[in-house]
Amino acid sequence: FTKNKKPDHVTAHNKKVIECELKVANFVTRKNLPLSLMEDISENVADWFPDSKIAKDFSSKRTKGSMMVKNVIGKLNKEDLSTKLRSCHFTLLIDESTDISTTKNGHDGNLLRC
């Protein structure tokens, strides 16, 4: 009985594939497109670029794409935003309005750079 083990090292080709998958996931989220689009991209990218080894090994569908957005892209953007907010002055406006029901909407904040 043997278990499938992940390779101990990551090849340069694998790094390029992962980088490509991250770039596609980043593009999809920045353009506010549904992550289900990753399914179609993953299924067709090898046909679009038949001479590319990276496209042949591209396999990032909805689940993997959403995990990359949450665990990689989101964390990097959060760190980038935190760095920017620490290095500049800003004003935060908070709207504590309520709707017609008895529950409060919460705080809607707007960030204004000075």
Protein backbone atom coordinates (compact mmCIF):
# COMPACT_ATOMS: atom_id res chain seq x y z
CA PHE A 1 0.00 0.00 0.00
CA THR A 2 1.61 3.24 -1.14
CA LYS A 3 0.33 6.76 -0.96
CA ASN A 4 0.63 9.27 -3.73
CA LYS A 5 3.05 11.90 -2.52
CA LYS A 6 3.40 15.41 -3.77
CA PRO A 7 6.78 16.13 -5.30
CA ASP A 8 9.33 17.57 -2.91
CA HIS A 9 10.32 20.21 -5.41
CA VAL A 10 8.43 22.44 -7.77
CA THR A 11 9.79 22.67 -11.29
CA ALA A 12 10.17 25.91 -13.20
CA HIS A 13 7.40 24.75 -15.53
CA ASN A 14 5.03 24.10 -12.60
CA LYS A 15 5.76 27.58 -11.25
CA LYS A 16 4.84 29.08 -14.64
CA VAL A 17 1.59 27.10 -14.72
CA ILE A 18 0.67 28.24 -11.21
CA GLU A 19 1.57 31.83 -12.09
CA CYS A 20 -0.67 31.62 -15.16
CA GLU A 21 -3.54 30.20 -13.09
CA LEU A 22 -3.15 33.02 -10.57
CA LYS A 23 -3.13 35.64 -13.33
CA VAL A 24 -6.31 34.25 -14.86
CA ALA A 25 -8.05 34.09 -11.46
CA ASN A 26 -6.93 37.65 -10.75
CA PHE A 27 -8.26 38.83 -14.13
CA VAL A 28 -11.63 37.14 -13.56
CA THR A 29 -12.07 38.73 -10.14
CA ARG A 30 -10.82 42.19 -11.13
CA LYS A 31 -13.31 42.29 -13.99
CA ASN A 32 -16.04 41.10 -11.59
CA LEU A 33 -16.73 38.01 -13.69
CA PRO A 34 -18.16 34.83 -12.17
CA LEU A 35 -15.62 32.24 -11.05
CA SER A 36 -17.61 29.66 -12.99
CA LEU A 37 -15.92 31.18 -16.04
CA MET A 38 -12.75 29.40 -14.85
CA GLU A 39 -14.41 26.12 -15.91
CA ASP A 40 -14.68 27.25 -19.53
CA ILE A 41 -11.21 28.76 -19.58
CA SER A 42 -9.65 25.62 -18.14
CA GLU A 43 -11.42 23.39 -20.65
CA ASN A 44 -10.52 25.51 -23.68
CA VAL A 45 -7.12 27.10 -23.03
CA ALA A 46 -5.21 24.12 -24.46
CA ASP A 47 -7.23 24.41 -27.70
CA TRP A 48 -6.65 28.16 -27.88
CA PHE A 49 -2.89 27.76 -27.47
CA PRO A 50 -2.07 24.28 -28.83
CA ASP A 51 1.68 24.84 -28.92
CA SER A 52 1.88 25.93 -25.26
CA LYS A 53 2.94 23.45 -22.60
CA ILE A 54 1.67 25.84 -19.93
CA ALA A 55 -1.80 25.94 -21.52
CA LYS A 56 -1.78 22.14 -21.77
CA ASP A 57 -1.15 21.83 -18.01
CA PHE A 58 -3.52 24.68 -17.00
CA SER A 59 -6.18 23.17 -14.76
CA SER A 60 -7.81 25.78 -12.60
CA LYS A 61 -11.55 25.47 -12.38
CA ARG A 62 -14.03 27.13 -10.03
CA THR A 63 -12.92 25.50 -6.77
CA LYS A 64 -9.20 25.98 -7.29
CA GLY A 65 -9.79 29.48 -8.65
CA SER A 66 -11.83 30.53 -5.63
CA MET A 67 -9.19 29.11 -3.28
CA MET A 68 -6.49 31.09 -5.10
CA VAL A 69 -8.57 34.25 -4.85
CA LYS A 70 -9.26 33.73 -1.15
CA ASN A 71 -5.89 32.43 0.03
CA VAL A 72 -3.42 34.16 -2.28
CA ILE A 73 -4.80 37.12 -4.20
CA GLY A 74 -7.05 38.31 -1.36
CA LYS A 75 -4.28 38.16 1.22
CA LEU A 76 -1.85 40.01 -1.06
CA ASN A 77 -4.42 42.72 -1.79
CA LYS A 78 -5.21 43.04 1.91
CA GLU A 79 -1.53 43.45 2.75
CA ASP A 80 -1.11 45.99 -0.07
CA LEU A 81 -4.11 47.99 1.15
CA SER A 82 -2.85 47.88 4.74
CA THR A 83 0.54 49.19 3.63
CA LYS A 84 -1.07 52.00 1.64
CA LEU A 85 -3.33 52.99 4.55
CA ARG A 86 -0.39 53.11 6.95
CA SER A 87 1.60 55.39 4.68
CA CYS A 88 -0.94 58.11 3.85
CA HIS A 89 -3.54 60.29 5.51
CA PHE A 90 -7.19 59.56 4.84
CA THR A 91 -10.67 60.39 6.08
CA LEU A 92 -13.27 57.77 6.82
CA LEU A 93 -16.92 58.79 6.45
CA ILE A 94 -19.51 56.55 8.09
CA ASP A 95 -23.19 56.53 7.21
CA GLU A 96 -25.31 55.11 10.04
CA SER A 97 -28.62 55.37 8.22
CA THR A 98 -31.45 52.94 8.79
CA ASP A 99 -33.84 51.48 6.31
CA ILE A 100 -37.63 51.39 6.64
CA SER A 101 -37.50 48.21 8.72
CA THR A 102 -36.56 48.15 12.38
CA THR A 103 -33.11 46.66 11.78
CA LYS A 104 -30.07 48.77 11.24
CA ASN A 105 -28.16 48.34 7.98
CA GLY A 106 -24.83 48.70 9.71
CA HIS A 107 -22.04 51.02 8.83
CA ASP A 108 -21.36 51.91 5.25
CA GLY A 109 -17.91 53.44 5.14
CA ASN A 110 -16.30 55.53 2.46
CA LEU A 111 -12.58 56.14 2.28
CA LEU A 112 -11.48 59.57 1.06
CA ARG A 113 -7.85 60.30 0.34
CA CYS A 114 -6.53 63.70 1.29
